[in-house]
Amino acid sequence: MANDDPALMSALTTEHFVLQTAASTATSEESSRATLYVMALSSSLVALGFAAPPSPAFTPLAATLLPAIAILGLFTGVRLVDTGLQNIQCRSAMARIRHYYRQLSPQAAAYIIPWAGPAEDDPVAAATATLGIGRRRDWLIGFFTIAMMITTINGIVIGAGITLLIVQVLPLGAAITLGLLAAAAYLVLFFRYQSHRYRTRPPLPDLIQPTEPNQTAPDQTALDQTGPGG
């Protein structure tokens, strides 16, 4: 049976609450940033609609708004990858605490659901299961993040902007083709960036088994030299 020291239980409960708050904050930031981008894009499209040809203001307005929206979309997508990583890290840490809770007594395991089934001992697997992505293939997960959703919309904006620019000097068919290629290249590059960030995210530190009262605690200098798992 796990150690039920009251001070430890209080600390774990506080840590669980702090991690839950951090995960909620990251989710709230994701929603706010995505909403900000979509609102900026929709208001820009309305402005472009009012300045549509034959108005002479359309070209300079489009040349100003579309690059600004594209840059905003890029910054938003990068930050959404950060918040997604933060969410997974917090949930993984919470899953490790939940694993401790499940060991408190034989009855605890019946009420604290093992979302990842046999892989519940792995905090990352348990965290991804609570996110509803535990059954998907790794390469598919990146297609359904909020960062990729915003990036897809932003890719359309970039493709449309490049098409409007090139159509001034090339036929419409060639301009559309180049715009589609630019949008596709942007999506592929961002997807690779997102995949790299998720693959190289910092792992959770290894658990350090507590020492018995009559044992000497491990030397901290040695731990610093070996690092996690050393």
C-alpha atoms as a PDB file:
ATOM      1  CA  MET A   1       0.000   0.000   0.000  1.00  0.00           C
ATOM      2  CA  ALA A   2       1.259   3.463  -0.815  1.00  0.00           C
ATOM      3  CA  ASN A   3       2.492   5.862   1.827  1.00  0.00           C
ATOM      4  CA  ASP A   4      -0.469   7.816   3.223  1.00  0.00           C
ATOM      5  CA  ASP A   5       1.511  10.474   5.066  1.00  0.00           C
ATOM      6  CA  PRO A   6      -0.881  13.445   5.596  1.00  0.00           C
ATOM      7  CA  ALA A   7       1.747  16.020   4.645  1.00  0.00           C
ATOM      8  CA  LEU A   8       2.490  14.166   1.412  1.00  0.00           C
ATOM      9  CA  MET A   9      -1.213  13.821   0.594  1.00  0.00           C
ATOM     10  CA  SER A  10      -1.728  17.545   1.170  1.00  0.00           C
ATOM     11  CA  ALA A  11       1.224  18.397  -1.068  1.00  0.00           C
ATOM     12  CA  LEU A  12       0.008  16.056  -3.818  1.00  0.00           C
ATOM     13  CA  THR A  13      -3.498  17.485  -3.665  1.00  0.00           C
ATOM     14  CA  THR A  14      -2.110  21.007  -3.959  1.00  0.00           C
ATOM     15  CA  GLU A  15       0.155  19.997  -6.842  1.00  0.00           C
ATOM     16  CA  HIS A  16      -2.750  18.297  -8.610  1.00  0.00           C
ATOM     17  CA  PHE A  17      -4.824  21.476  -8.278  1.00  0.00           C
ATOM     18  CA  VAL A  18      -1.976  23.680  -9.544  1.00  0.00           C
ATOM     19  CA  LEU A  19      -1.422  21.423 -12.563  1.00  0.00           C
ATOM     20  CA  GLN A  20      -5.139  21.369 -13.315  1.00  0.00           C
ATOM     21  CA  THR A  21      -5.240  25.164 -13.166  1.00  0.00           C
ATOM     22  CA  ALA A  22      -2.220  25.421 -15.483  1.00  0.00           C
ATOM     23  CA  ALA A  23      -3.825  23.037 -17.985  1.00  0.00           C
ATOM     24  CA  SER A  24      -7.079  25.026 -17.869  1.00  0.00           C
ATOM     25  CA  THR A  25      -5.153  28.259 -18.397  1.00  0.00           C
ATOM     26  CA  ALA A  26      -3.413  26.798 -21.440  1.00  0.00           C
ATOM     27  CA  THR A  27      -6.745  25.659 -22.883  1.00  0.00           C
ATOM     28  CA  SER A  28      -8.270  29.080 -22.258  1.00  0.00           C
ATOM     29  CA  GLU A  29      -5.331  30.773 -23.980  1.00  0.00           C
ATOM     30  CA  GLU A  30      -5.757  28.484 -26.978  1.00  0.00           C
ATOM     31  CA  SER A  31      -9.393  29.495 -27.299  1.00  0.00           C
ATOM     32  CA  SER A  32      -8.624  33.202 -26.887  1.00  0.00           C
ATOM     33  CA  ARG A  33      -5.821  33.225 -29.461  1.00  0.00           C
ATOM     34  CA  ALA A  34      -7.811  31.237 -32.008  1.00  0.00           C
ATOM     35  CA  THR A  35     -10.810  33.540 -31.535  1.00  0.00           C
ATOM     36  CA  LEU A  36      -8.623  36.628 -31.903  1.00  0.00           C
ATOM     37  CA  TYR A  37      -7.211  35.357 -35.197  1.00  0.00           C
ATOM     38  CA  VAL A  38     -10.595  34.391 -36.636  1.00  0.00           C
ATOM     39  CA  MET A  39     -12.118  37.733 -35.629  1.00  0.00           C
ATOM     40  CA  ALA A  40      -9.211  39.655 -37.168  1.00  0.00           C
ATOM     41  CA  LEU A  41      -9.547  37.635 -40.373  1.00  0.00           C
ATOM     42  CA  SER A  42     -13.319  38.059 -40.615  1.00  0.00           C
ATOM     43  CA  SER A  43     -13.180  41.813 -40.023  1.00  0.00           C
ATOM     44  CA  SER A  44     -10.425  42.118 -42.649  1.00  0.00           C
ATOM     45  CA  LEU A  45     -12.515  40.216 -45.184  1.00  0.00           C
ATOM     46  CA  VAL A  46     -15.459  42.523 -44.501  1.00  0.00           C
ATOM     47  CA  ALA A  47     -13.215  45.542 -45.086  1.00  0.00           C
ATOM     48  CA  LEU A  48     -11.947  44.025 -48.338  1.00  0.00           C
ATOM     49  CA  GLY A  49     -15.522  43.385 -49.399  1.00  0.00           C
ATOM     50  CA  PHE A  50     -16.410  47.054 -49.007  1.00  0.00           C
ATOM     51  CA  ALA A  51     -13.330  48.011 -51.020  1.00  0.00           C
ATOM     52  CA  ALA A  52     -13.881  45.438 -53.770  1.00  0.00           C
ATOM     53  CA  PRO A  53     -13.133  46.421 -57.385  1.00  0.00           C
ATOM     54  CA  PRO A  54     -13.706  48.679 -59.165  1.00  0.00           C
ATOM     55  CA  SER A  55     -12.729  50.643 -56.049  1.00  0.00           C
ATOM     56  CA  PRO A  56      -9.056  51.765 -56.331  1.00  0.00           C
ATOM     57  CA  ALA A  57      -8.631  51.141 -52.592  1.00  0.00           C
ATOM     58  CA  PHE A  58      -8.832  47.351 -52.911  1.00  0.00           C
ATOM     59  CA  THR A  59      -5.230  46.658 -53.971  1.00  0.00           C
ATOM     60  CA  PRO A  60      -3.446  48.778 -51.337  1.00  0.00           C
ATOM     61  CA  LEU A  61      -5.867  47.561 -48.649  1.00  0.00           C
ATOM     62  CA  ALA A  62      -5.317  43.908 -49.564  1.00  0.00           C
ATOM     63  CA  ALA A  63      -1.552  44.482 -49.694  1.00  0.00           C
ATOM     64  CA  THR A  64      -1.746  45.799 -46.125  1.00  0.00           C
ATOM     65  CA  LEU A  65      -4.264  43.448 -44.508  1.00  0.00           C
ATOM     66  CA  LEU A  66      -3.331  40.056 -45.951  1.00  0.00           C
ATOM     67  CA  PRO A  67       0.363  40.104 -44.908  1.00  0.00           C
ATOM     68  CA  ALA A  68      -0.660  41.292 -41.424  1.00  0.00           C
ATOM     69  CA  ILE A  69      -3.216  38.482 -41.091  1.00  0.00           C
ATOM     70  CA  ALA A  70      -0.686  35.940 -42.375  1.00  0.00           C
ATOM     71  CA  ILE A  71       1.907  37.032 -39.791  1.00  0.00           C
ATOM     72  CA  LEU A  72      -0.726  36.984 -37.031  1.00  0.00           C
ATOM     73  CA  GLY A  73      -1.700  33.463 -38.090  1.00  0.00           C
ATOM     74  CA  LEU A  74       1.906  32.302 -38.006  1.00  0.00           C
ATOM     75  CA  PHE A  75       2.471  33.706 -34.509  1.00  0.00           C
ATOM     76  CA  THR A  76      -0.834  32.237 -33.338  1.00  0.00           C
ATOM     77  CA  GLY A  77       0.002  28.787 -34.688  1.00  0.00           C
ATOM     78  CA  VAL A  78       3.425  28.724 -33.046  1.00  0.00           C
ATOM     79  CA  ARG A  79       1.973  29.775 -29.702  1.00  0.00           C
ATOM     80  CA  LEU A  80      -0.798  27.176 -29.971  1.00  0.00           C
ATOM     81  CA  VAL A  81       1.855  24.498 -30.327  1.00  0.00           C
ATOM     82  CA  ASP A  82       3.412  25.803 -27.094  1.00  0.00           C
ATOM     83  CA  THR A  83       0.117  25.682 -25.205  1.00  0.00           C
ATOM     84  CA  GLY A  84      -0.596  22.214 -26.559  1.00  0.00           C
ATOM     85  CA  LEU A  85       2.735  20.989 -25.217  1.00  0.00           C
ATOM     86  CA  GLN A  86       2.049  22.661 -21.874  1.00  0.00           C
ATOM     87  CA  ASN A  87      -1.322  20.926 -21.691  1.00  0.00           C
ATOM     88  CA  ILE A  88       0.198  17.503 -22.327  1.00  0.00           C
ATOM     89  CA  GLN A  89       2.971  18.073 -19.773  1.00  0.00           C
ATOM     90  CA  CYS A  90       0.480  19.132 -17.099  1.00  0.00           C
ATOM     91  CA  ARG A  91      -1.845  16.230 -17.825  1.00  0.00           C
ATOM     92  CA  SER A  92       1.069  13.788 -17.759  1.00  0.00           C
ATOM     93  CA  ALA A  93       2.108  15.047 -14.338  1.00  0.00           C
ATOM     94  CA  MET A  94      -1.493  14.767 -13.128  1.00  0.00           C
ATOM     95  CA  ALA A  95      -1.655  11.213 -14.480  1.00  0.00           C
ATOM     96  CA  ARG A  96       1.379  10.305 -12.371  1.00  0.00           C
ATOM     97  CA  ILE A  97      -0.362  11.665  -9.265  1.00  0.00           C
ATOM     98  CA  ARG A  98      -3.535   9.776 -10.176  1.00  0.00           C
ATOM     99  CA  HIS A  99      -1.451   6.617 -10.389  1.00  0.00           C
ATOM    100  CA  TYR A 100      -0.368   7.250  -6.799  1.00  0.00           C
ATOM    101  CA  TYR A 101      -3.980   7.766  -5.747  1.00  0.00           C
ATOM    102  CA  ARG A 102      -4.926   4.414  -7.303  1.00  0.00           C
ATOM    103  CA  GLN A 103      -2.371   2.683  -5.062  1.00  0.00           C
ATOM    104  CA  LEU A 104      -3.658   4.140  -1.808  1.00  0.00           C
ATOM    105  CA  SER A 105      -5.974   1.186  -1.200  1.00  0.00           C
ATOM    106  CA  PRO A 106      -7.462  -1.776  -3.084  1.00  0.00           C
ATOM    107  CA  GLN A 107     -10.775   0.099  -3.320  1.00  0.00           C
ATOM    108  CA  ALA A 108      -9.213   3.209  -4.889  1.00  0.00           C
ATOM    109  CA  ALA A 109      -8.457   1.421  -8.165  1.00  0.00           C
ATOM    110  CA  ALA A 110     -12.168   0.698  -8.632  1.00  0.00           C
ATOM    111  CA  TYR A 111     -13.152   4.373  -8.447  1.00  0.00           C
ATOM    112  CA  ILE A 112     -10.210   6.142 -10.121  1.00  0.00           C
ATOM    113  CA  ILE A 113     -10.622   5.124 -13.747  1.00  0.00           C
ATOM    114  CA  PRO A 114      -7.517   3.873 -15.607  1.00  0.00           C
ATOM    115  CA  TRP A 115      -8.128   5.774 -18.856  1.00  0.00           C
ATOM    116  CA  ALA A 116      -5.184   4.138 -20.612  1.00  0.00           C
ATOM    117  CA  GLY A 117      -6.026   0.596 -19.487  1.00  0.00           C
ATOM    118  CA  PRO A 118      -2.906  -1.569 -19.181  1.00  0.00           C
ATOM    119  CA  ALA A 119      -0.750   1.453 -20.101  1.00  0.00           C
ATOM    120  CA  GLU A 120      -2.005   3.477 -17.133  1.00  0.00           C
ATOM    121  CA  ASP A 121       1.412   3.236 -15.469  1.00  0.00           C
ATOM    122  CA  ASP A 122       2.818   5.367 -18.301  1.00  0.00           C
ATOM    123  CA  PRO A 123       1.837   8.980 -17.452  1.00  0.00           C
ATOM    124  CA  VAL A 124       2.114  10.138 -21.075  1.00  0.00           C
ATOM    125  CA  ALA A 125      -0.153   7.332 -22.304  1.00  0.00           C
ATOM    126  CA  ALA A 126      -2.642   8.116 -19.531  1.00  0.00           C
ATOM    127  CA  ALA A 127      -2.576  11.815 -20.405  1.00  0.00           C
ATOM    128  CA  THR A 128      -3.179  11.242 -24.109  1.00  0.00           C
ATOM    129  CA  ALA A 129      -6.048   8.901 -23.243  1.00  0.00           C
ATOM    130  CA  THR A 130      -7.774  11.655 -21.236  1.00  0.00           C
ATOM    131  CA  LEU A 131      -7.374  13.944 -24.265  1.00  0.00           C
ATOM    132  CA  GLY A 132      -9.210  11.407 -26.415  1.00  0.00           C
ATOM    133  CA  ILE A 133      -6.236  10.784 -28.712  1.00  0.00           C
ATOM    134  CA  GLY A 134      -4.932   7.565 -27.214  1.00  0.00           C
ATOM    135  CA  ARG A 135      -6.348   5.398 -29.999  1.00  0.00           C
ATOM    136  CA  ARG A 136      -5.098   7.450 -32.937  1.00  0.00           C
ATOM    137  CA  ARG A 137      -1.891   6.873 -34.816  1.00  0.00           C
ATOM    138  CA  ASP A 138       0.865   9.308 -33.901  1.00  0.00           C
ATOM    139  CA  TRP A 139       1.074  10.859 -37.372  1.00  0.00           C
ATOM    140  CA  LEU A 140      -2.688  11.497 -37.424  1.00  0.00           C
ATOM    141  CA  ILE A 141      -2.782  13.383 -34.133  1.00  0.00           C
ATOM    142  CA  GLY A 142      -1.015  16.409 -35.595  1.00  0.00           C
ATOM    143  CA  PHE A 143      -3.760  16.941 -38.169  1.00  0.00           C
ATOM    144  CA  PHE A 144      -6.432  17.593 -35.549  1.00  0.00           C
ATOM    145  CA  THR A 145      -4.782  20.099 -33.214  1.00  0.00           C
ATOM    146  CA  ILE A 146      -6.144  23.622 -32.869  1.00  0.00           C
ATOM    147  CA  ALA A 147      -2.760  24.890 -34.070  1.00  0.00           C
ATOM    148  CA  MET A 148      -3.156  22.968 -37.324  1.00  0.00           C
ATOM    149  CA  MET A 149      -6.714  24.254 -37.713  1.00  0.00           C
ATOM    150  CA  ILE A 150      -5.572  27.874 -37.513  1.00  0.00           C
ATOM    151  CA  THR A 151      -2.605  27.090 -39.765  1.00  0.00           C
ATOM    152  CA  THR A 152      -4.913  25.624 -42.413  1.00  0.00           C
ATOM    153  CA  ILE A 153      -7.020  28.782 -42.447  1.00  0.00           C
ATOM    154  CA  ASN A 154      -3.869  30.885 -42.537  1.00  0.00           C
ATOM    155  CA  GLY A 155      -2.536  28.797 -45.413  1.00  0.00           C
ATOM    156  CA  ILE A 156      -5.638  29.679 -47.419  1.00  0.00           C
ATOM    157  CA  VAL A 157      -5.044  33.354 -46.642  1.00  0.00           C
ATOM    158  CA  ILE A 158      -1.427  33.084 -47.787  1.00  0.00           C
ATOM    159  CA  GLY A 159      -2.406  31.248 -50.957  1.00  0.00           C
ATOM    160  CA  ALA A 160      -5.085  33.832 -51.756  1.00  0.00           C
ATOM    161  CA  GLY A 161      -2.697  36.718 -51.117  1.00  0.00           C
ATOM    162  CA  ILE A 162      -0.021  35.261 -53.372  1.00  0.00           C
ATOM    163  CA  THR A 163      -2.627  34.605 -56.061  1.00  0.00           C
ATOM    164  CA  LEU A 164      -3.810  38.228 -55.933  1.00  0.00           C
ATOM    165  CA  LEU A 165      -0.217  39.394 -56.169  1.00  0.00           C
ATOM    166  CA  ILE A 166       0.871  37.164 -59.051  1.00  0.00           C
ATOM    167  CA  VAL A 167      -2.309  37.634 -61.082  1.00  0.00           C
ATOM    168  CA  GLN A 168      -1.105  41.181 -61.739  1.00  0.00           C
ATOM    169  CA  VAL A 169       1.673  39.847 -63.971  1.00  0.00           C
ATOM    170  CA  LEU A 170       0.692  36.254 -64.883  1.00  0.00           C
ATOM    171  CA  PRO A 171      -2.455  34.551 -66.182  1.00  0.00           C
ATOM    172  CA  LEU A 172      -5.111  33.589 -63.607  1.00  0.00           C
ATOM    173  CA  GLY A 173      -4.446  29.847 -63.944  1.00  0.00           C
ATOM    174  CA  ALA A 174      -0.742  30.235 -63.222  1.00  0.00           C
ATOM    175  CA  ALA A 175      -1.474  32.563 -60.289  1.00  0.00           C
ATOM    176  CA  ILE A 176      -3.907  30.083 -58.737  1.00  0.00           C
ATOM    177  CA  THR A 177      -1.418  27.240 -59.155  1.00  0.00           C
ATOM    178  CA  LEU A 178       1.365  29.182 -57.463  1.00  0.00           C
ATOM    179  CA  GLY A 179      -1.008  30.219 -54.676  1.00  0.00           C
ATOM    180  CA  LEU A 180      -1.988  26.595 -54.051  1.00  0.00           C
ATOM    181  CA  LEU A 181       1.648  25.530 -54.018  1.00  0.00           C
ATOM    182  CA  ALA A 182       2.518  28.253 -51.522  1.00  0.00           C
ATOM    183  CA  ALA A 183      -0.369  27.255 -49.244  1.00  0.00           C
ATOM    184  CA  ALA A 184       0.603  23.578 -49.430  1.00  0.00           C
ATOM    185  CA  ALA A 185       4.253  24.347 -48.688  1.00  0.00           C
ATOM    186  CA  TYR A 186       3.238  26.446 -45.667  1.00  0.00           C
ATOM    187  CA  LEU A 187       1.042  23.643 -44.288  1.00  0.00           C
ATOM    188  CA  VAL A 188       3.722  20.992 -44.775  1.00  0.00           C
ATOM    189  CA  LEU A 189       6.419  23.103 -43.121  1.00  0.00           C
ATOM    190  CA  PHE A 190       4.229  23.930 -40.147  1.00  0.00           C
ATOM    191  CA  PHE A 191       3.149  20.311 -39.742  1.00  0.00           C
ATOM    192  CA  ARG A 192       6.785  19.221 -39.698  1.00  0.00           C
ATOM    193  CA  TYR A 193       7.578  21.947 -37.161  1.00  0.00           C
ATOM    194  CA  GLN A 194       4.698  20.874 -34.934  1.00  0.00           C
ATOM    195  CA  SER A 195       5.672  17.204 -35.174  1.00  0.00           C
ATOM    196  CA  HIS A 196       9.274  18.057 -34.281  1.00  0.00           C
ATOM    197  CA  ARG A 197       8.186  20.061 -31.240  1.00  0.00           C
ATOM    198  CA  TYR A 198       5.982  17.239 -29.976  1.00  0.00           C
ATOM    199  CA  ARG A 199       8.616  14.566 -30.561  1.00  0.00           C
ATOM    200  CA  THR A 200      11.337  16.542 -28.778  1.00  0.00           C
ATOM    201  CA  ARG A 201       9.274  17.812 -25.866  1.00  0.00           C
ATOM    202  CA  PRO A 202      11.013  17.434 -22.477  1.00  0.00           C
ATOM    203  CA  PRO A 203      10.173  14.093 -20.837  1.00  0.00           C
ATOM    204  CA  LEU A 204       8.898  13.861 -17.302  1.00  0.00           C
ATOM    205  CA  PRO A 205      11.707  13.295 -14.785  1.00  0.00           C
ATOM    206  CA  ASP A 206      12.148   9.701 -13.663  1.00  0.00           C
ATOM    207  CA  LEU A 207      10.664   8.785 -10.328  1.00  0.00           C
ATOM    208  CA  ILE A 208      13.209   8.705  -7.486  1.00  0.00           C
ATOM    209  CA  GLN A 209      12.360   5.970  -5.028  1.00  0.00           C
ATOM    210  CA  PRO A 210      12.188   7.245  -1.420  1.00  0.00           C
ATOM    211  CA  THR A 211      14.964   6.093   0.886  1.00  0.00           C
ATOM    212  CA  GLU A 212      14.403   4.252   4.119  1.00  0.00           C
ATOM    213  CA  PRO A 213      14.917   6.244   7.343  1.00  0.00           C
ATOM    214  CA  ASN A 214      18.146   4.366   8.078  1.00  0.00           C
ATOM    215  CA  GLN A 215      19.542   4.931   4.597  1.00  0.00           C
ATOM    216  CA  THR A 216      21.561   7.864   3.367  1.00  0.00           C
ATOM    217  CA  ALA A 217      19.884  10.017   0.756  1.00  0.00           C
ATOM    218  CA  PRO A 218      21.610   9.993  -2.659  1.00  0.00           C
ATOM    219  CA  ASP A 219      24.172  12.670  -3.204  1.00  0.00           C
ATOM    220  CA  GLN A 220      22.561  15.560  -5.124  1.00  0.00           C
ATOM    221  CA  THR A 221      25.778  16.245  -7.037  1.00  0.00           C
ATOM    222  CA  ALA A 222      25.772  12.701  -8.380  1.00  0.00           C
ATOM    223  CA  LEU A 223      22.136  13.063  -9.419  1.00  0.00           C
ATOM    224  CA  ASP A 224      22.917  16.302 -11.247  1.00  0.00           C
ATOM    225  CA  GLN A 225      25.773  14.616 -13.099  1.00  0.00           C
ATOM    226  CA  THR A 226      23.798  11.580 -14.211  1.00  0.00           C
ATOM    227  CA  GLY A 227      20.562  13.411 -15.012  1.00  0.00           C
ATOM    228  CA  PRO A 228      17.165  11.731 -15.413  1.00  0.00           C
ATOM    229  CA  GLY A 229      17.503   8.031 -15.962  1.00  0.00           C
ATOM    230  CA  GLY A 230      21.287   8.155 -15.529  1.00  0.00           C
END
